């Protein structure tokens, strides 16, 4: 099978050669080419006038096609990503070849590749006839799922919630975090934010304790995404 047509070769044994051939298409050779989907017959005569008939049905499968569904990782440097590959057309069964050849689950036309880091992955799909299809998918991380921004803290110096916590912010050391009071005055600005009393927003500005109130924050990961905006409340 080549593309949307088939080439057929005939091998004859027995009888008395030489043989003559007559296909229903009018071709008079043992082999014929460019047969479309359909039914064909072949009349073979040997040198003694003996006749034999051959019958052939050609079915041209649809071209191989793939669809890759991607689940993003939650954060940078974690391996929660996955790819599901679905294939149609061609001639089943199919073989799926991923970069590590470690596949979580295979079905007749579906393959899952799990526990993936952020990056681009390739898959090679081969059907029973040896037709090959290559495809790729890219996994990205999703900061909106990754970051957990606490909405309140109580800087009472009792060792409990004394600073504003932003879980997983360590994955984004270049992020710029700014906090403003209700008057629009900036009371905190920092890169390389860390969830420690020394490096995080601890409810002080110029060494003075800020009053209990709502404050407005902007977290810019500086990766092209829209900055995170919201409020954080100081409770004393």
Protein backbone atom coordinates (compact mmCIF):
# COMPACT_ATOMS: atom_id res chain seq x y z
CA UNK A 1 0.00 0.00 0.00
CA UNK A 2 1.44 3.35 -1.05
CA UNK A 3 -0.52 6.43 -0.08
CA UNK A 4 -4.09 5.99 -1.30
CA UNK A 5 -3.40 3.09 -3.70
CA UNK A 6 -1.96 -0.43 -3.68
CA UNK A 7 0.61 -2.29 -5.77
CA UNK A 8 0.06 -6.04 -6.23
CA UNK A 9 2.48 -8.76 -7.35
CA UNK A 10 1.39 -12.25 -8.45
CA UNK A 11 3.40 -15.44 -8.00
CA UNK A 12 2.30 -18.52 -10.00
CA UNK A 13 3.44 -22.12 -9.60
CA UNK A 14 2.31 -25.36 -11.23
CA UNK A 15 0.91 -25.79 -14.71
CA UNK A 16 3.12 -25.27 -17.72
CA UNK A 17 4.84 -21.93 -18.16
CA UNK A 18 4.93 -19.46 -19.70
CA UNK A 19 1.80 -17.88 -18.28
CA UNK A 20 -0.42 -15.10 -19.56
CA UNK A 21 -2.27 -12.68 -17.31
CA UNK A 22 -5.39 -10.58 -17.68
CA UNK A 23 -6.56 -8.33 -14.86
CA UNK A 24 -10.08 -6.97 -14.78
CA UNK A 25 -8.46 -3.57 -15.23
CA UNK A 26 -7.02 -4.67 -18.58
CA UNK A 27 -3.44 -5.01 -17.32
CA UNK A 28 -1.67 -8.05 -18.86
CA UNK A 29 1.32 -8.42 -16.53
CA UNK A 30 1.76 -10.43 -13.35
CA UNK A 31 2.04 -7.26 -11.30
CA UNK A 32 -0.21 -4.23 -11.31
CA UNK A 33 0.00 -0.86 -9.63
CA UNK A 34 -2.13 2.02 -8.38
CA UNK A 35 -5.15 -0.06 -7.45
CA UNK A 36 -7.79 1.91 -5.59
CA UNK A 37 -10.16 0.47 -3.01
CA UNK A 38 -12.33 -2.17 -4.66
CA UNK A 39 -12.56 -5.77 -5.93
CA UNK A 40 -10.46 -7.16 -8.78
CA UNK A 41 -10.06 -10.48 -10.59
CA UNK A 42 -7.15 -11.99 -12.49
CA UNK A 43 -7.31 -14.64 -15.24
CA UNK A 44 -4.18 -16.77 -15.63
CA UNK A 45 -3.57 -19.10 -18.61
CA UNK A 46 -0.67 -21.53 -18.84
CA UNK A 47 0.97 -22.81 -22.04
CA UNK A 48 -1.45 -25.77 -22.24
CA UNK A 49 -4.53 -23.56 -22.09
CA UNK A 50 -5.33 -24.35 -18.47
CA UNK A 51 -7.10 -21.47 -16.76
CA UNK A 52 -7.11 -20.31 -13.16
CA UNK A 53 -8.75 -17.30 -11.59
CA UNK A 54 -7.62 -15.11 -8.74
CA UNK A 55 -9.75 -12.66 -6.82
CA UNK A 56 -8.55 -9.71 -4.79
CA UNK A 57 -10.18 -7.08 -2.58
CA UNK A 58 -8.16 -3.94 -1.90
CA UNK A 59 -8.92 -1.89 1.19
CA UNK A 60 -6.91 1.30 1.62
CA UNK A 61 -6.78 2.35 5.30
CA UNK A 62 -7.10 5.99 6.26
CA UNK A 63 -3.89 7.90 6.87
CA UNK A 64 -2.47 7.68 10.37
CA UNK A 65 -3.55 10.63 12.49
CA UNK A 66 -2.72 11.44 16.09
CA UNK A 67 -4.11 13.71 18.77
CA UNK A 68 -2.06 14.51 21.87
CA UNK A 69 -3.78 15.73 25.03
CA UNK A 70 -1.51 17.46 27.57
CA UNK A 71 -1.89 17.93 31.32
CA UNK A 72 0.39 20.68 32.61
CA UNK A 73 2.66 20.38 35.60
CA UNK A 74 1.53 22.26 38.67
CA UNK A 75 4.89 23.90 39.33
CA UNK A 76 8.32 24.24 37.85
CA UNK A 77 10.58 21.25 38.45
CA UNK A 78 7.81 18.85 39.44
CA UNK A 79 6.78 15.76 37.48
CA UNK A 80 2.99 15.95 37.55
CA UNK A 81 2.63 16.40 33.79
CA UNK A 82 1.19 13.78 31.45
CA UNK A 83 0.45 13.21 27.77
CA UNK A 84 -2.29 11.07 26.28
CA UNK A 85 -1.77 10.02 22.66
CA UNK A 86 -4.73 8.89 20.57
CA UNK A 87 -4.28 7.48 17.06
CA UNK A 88 -6.73 6.74 14.26
CA UNK A 89 -6.40 5.46 10.71
CA UNK A 90 -3.72 3.09 9.52
CA UNK A 91 -3.94 -0.58 10.40
CA UNK A 92 -4.16 -1.59 14.06
CA UNK A 93 -2.66 -2.72 16.33
CA UNK A 94 -0.34 0.19 17.01
CA UNK A 95 2.97 0.46 18.83
CA UNK A 96 3.79 3.66 20.75
CA UNK A 97 7.42 4.59 21.36
CA UNK A 98 8.05 7.34 23.93
CA UNK A 99 11.49 8.75 24.87
CA UNK A 100 12.00 6.30 27.74
CA UNK A 101 9.78 3.53 26.36
CA UNK A 102 8.11 3.53 29.80
CA UNK A 103 4.38 3.77 29.19
CA UNK A 104 1.89 3.84 32.04
CA UNK A 105 -1.01 2.32 30.12
CA UNK A 106 -1.58 1.18 26.55
CA UNK A 107 -4.92 0.52 24.91
CA UNK A 108 -5.54 -0.43 21.30
CA UNK A 109 -5.35 3.14 20.04
CA UNK A 110 -4.44 5.17 23.14
CA UNK A 111 -1.22 5.55 25.10
CA UNK A 112 -0.53 7.45 28.33
CA UNK A 113 2.84 8.89 29.34
CA UNK A 114 2.87 10.12 32.93
CA UNK A 115 5.09 11.66 35.63
CA UNK A 116 6.62 14.18 33.24
CA UNK A 117 8.60 17.32 33.90
CA UNK A 118 8.11 20.51 31.92
CA UNK A 119 9.45 20.08 28.38
CA UNK A 120 8.79 18.80 24.87
CA UNK A 121 8.25 15.08 24.30
CA UNK A 122 8.15 13.05 21.09
CA UNK A 123 6.19 9.90 20.34
CA UNK A 124 6.57 7.53 17.39
CA UNK A 125 3.51 5.51 16.39
CA UNK A 126 3.85 2.48 14.11
CA UNK A 127 0.90 0.50 12.78
CA UNK A 128 0.83 -3.16 11.76
CA UNK A 129 1.80 -2.32 8.18
CA UNK A 130 4.90 -0.46 9.33
CA UNK A 131 3.51 3.00 8.62
CA UNK A 132 5.13 5.56 10.92
CA UNK A 133 3.74 8.74 12.44
CA UNK A 134 5.84 11.10 14.58
CA UNK A 135 4.31 13.73 16.84
CA UNK A 136 5.38 16.00 19.70
CA UNK A 137 3.73 17.75 22.64
CA UNK A 138 4.99 20.40 25.04
CA UNK A 139 4.24 20.41 28.76
CA UNK A 140 4.32 23.73 30.60
CA UNK A 141 3.86 24.58 34.24
CA UNK A 142 0.93 26.57 35.56
CA UNK A 143 1.87 29.20 38.18
CA UNK A 144 -1.79 29.88 39.00
CA UNK A 145 -2.12 26.31 40.21
CA UNK A 146 1.33 26.24 41.76
CA UNK A 147 1.37 29.27 44.02
CA UNK A 148 -0.63 29.29 47.23
CA UNK A 149 -0.90 32.88 48.45
CA UNK A 150 -2.03 33.19 52.06
CA UNK A 151 -4.65 35.89 52.59
CA UNK A 152 -3.99 36.68 56.25
CA UNK A 153 -1.19 36.61 58.82
CA UNK A 154 -0.73 37.81 62.39
CA UNK A 155 2.71 39.31 63.05
CA UNK A 156 2.48 39.23 66.84
CA UNK A 157 5.97 37.79 67.31
CA UNK A 158 4.51 34.66 68.88
CA UNK A 159 6.12 32.36 66.33
CA UNK A 160 2.80 31.58 64.64
CA UNK A 161 2.02 33.14 61.24
CA UNK A 162 4.39 36.02 61.92
CA UNK A 163 4.99 36.64 58.21
CA UNK A 164 3.12 36.47 54.94
CA UNK A 165 3.53 33.04 53.35
CA UNK A 166 3.54 32.37 49.61
CA UNK A 167 3.94 28.64 49.10
CA UNK A 168 6.11 27.53 46.16
CA UNK A 169 7.42 31.05 45.57
CA UNK A 170 10.92 29.56 45.78
CA UNK A 171 10.40 28.23 42.25
CA UNK A 172 10.36 31.84 41.03
CA UNK A 173 13.40 33.59 42.52
CA UNK A 174 13.17 36.45 40.00
CA UNK A 175 9.59 37.25 40.96
CA UNK A 176 8.93 40.78 42.18
CA UNK A 177 6.59 41.05 45.19
CA UNK A 178 5.14 44.43 46.15
CA UNK A 179 2.66 45.35 48.89
CA UNK A 180 0.72 48.63 49.18
CA UNK A 181 -1.45 50.15 51.88
CA UNK A 182 -4.88 51.62 51.28
CA UNK A 183 -3.35 54.99 50.44
CA UNK A 184 -1.35 53.47 47.61
CA UNK A 185 1.94 53.77 49.46
CA UNK A 186 4.31 50.89 48.86
CA UNK A 187 5.23 49.25 52.16
CA UNK A 188 7.14 46.22 50.87
CA UNK A 189 9.18 45.30 47.80
CA UNK A 190 11.40 42.27 47.30
CA UNK A 191 12.82 39.77 44.83
CA UNK A 192 13.96 36.28 45.80
CA UNK A 193 11.12 36.10 48.30
CA UNK A 194 11.57 33.43 50.96
CA UNK A 195 9.13 32.20 53.57
CA UNK A 196 11.26 33.24 56.52
CA UNK A 197 10.82 36.00 59.07
CA UNK A 198 13.89 37.80 57.72
CA UNK A 199 13.02 37.65 54.01
CA UNK A 200 9.21 37.73 53.87
CA UNK A 201 6.74 40.55 54.45
CA UNK A 202 6.58 40.63 58.25
CA UNK A 203 4.09 43.44 58.77
CA UNK A 204 6.67 46.17 59.24
CA UNK A 205 7.58 49.22 57.18
CA UNK A 206 10.77 51.17 57.90
CA UNK A 207 11.07 49.20 61.12
CA UNK A 208 7.62 50.23 62.34
CA UNK A 209 4.71 47.85 62.85
CA UNK A 210 1.93 48.32 60.33
CA UNK A 211 -1.62 48.49 61.68
CA UNK A 212 -4.21 45.77 61.25
CA UNK A 213 -5.78 46.33 57.85
CA UNK A 214 -6.11 45.04 54.32
CA UNK A 215 -3.09 45.50 52.06
CA UNK A 216 -2.85 45.09 48.32
CA UNK A 217 -0.20 42.95 46.69
CA UNK A 218 1.22 42.47 43.22
CA UNK A 219 3.24 39.34 42.44
CA UNK A 220 4.97 39.63 39.09
CA UNK A 221 6.74 36.41 38.08
CA UNK A 222 8.27 38.32 35.15
CA UNK A 223 7.69 35.37 32.84
CA UNK A 224 5.22 37.03 30.50
CA UNK A 225 2.14 36.04 32.52
CA UNK A 226 -0.24 38.57 34.02
CA UNK A 227 0.83 39.52 37.57
CA UNK A 228 -1.07 38.08 40.52
CA UNK A 229 -3.09 40.72 42.36
CA UNK A 230 -5.08 40.50 45.56
CA UNK A 231 -5.31 41.48 49.20
CA UNK A 232 -3.57 40.26 52.32
CA UNK A 233 -4.83 41.11 55.79
CA UNK A 234 -2.72 41.87 58.83
CA UNK A 235 -4.42 40.86 62.07
CA UNK A 236 -2.83 41.88 65.36
